Amino acid sequence: MGTGSLASLRRVTEYDRIDAVVISHMHADHFIDVIPLRYALKYGRKQRASRVHLYLPPNGEAMLRAMIAPFSGEPGAFLDDVFTIVEYDPNGTIAFGDATISFAPTVHYIPTYALRFQTSAASVTYSADTARDAIIGDFARGTDILICEATLLPGESEGPYRGHVSVRDAAEMAQEAGAKRLVLTHYPSEAEHAEMLRIAGEAFTGTVAVADDGAVFEV
């Protein structure tokens, strides 16, 4: 739900059809478009009969409310008019009809959770932001699509404490998971898609794609 995601979403569906938003961690590039979504839900021509569930990680609500406090006016109304805010239990699940979302902690600079969207027929797993860790391979075991971050350019290092992975790391985690498809995301603008696909193909035997605006993946 980072910058521009709401505009991209509206190319394929409308904001009033969103039932829930689930946030992996409270870094702005992963939740900031909650704000324009709020304005759309509050003032847009398409109105929902019920509020959208906004699922935040533990302690995420206080952080979000502190951020919007300077411009939100009446306490509570800015968010609560359109959202039902819930801090999810990372050890539990969220149910949507016949689907569930489960969580796994990742290695990042703040508490962050990978998400697995599972139905009886298929699954999609999202790494969120993470350093290389075996938990992703375990959590994404057998998933149809692993959407994995690929922040680091080849040869780039974060120093002694890491919170991100490279394309090769992502491909190796997908291979460990036995994922059917790997979709690389959260990559720098300098990254070249062809080179990303080449590097990933050296470590992952499944299908590889690079996430981009308008891309469609069928499960």
Foldseek 3Di string as FASTA:
>chain_A
DAPPPQVLVVVPPHLLPAQEDAFFAPDRRGCVCVLVSLVCAVPNPDHHPAAHEYEYAPPNVVVVQVVCVVPQPDPPCSAVVHYDYHHDDQCDWDDDPQWIKHWDFAQAPDTGIKIWIDHPVFIETEPTWHEQDLVLLVVLAAHQEYEYEAADDVPDDPPPGDGHHHLLSQLQSCQSRVYQEYEYENYDPPDDQVVSLVNSVVRHVHHYYYDDRPDDDDD
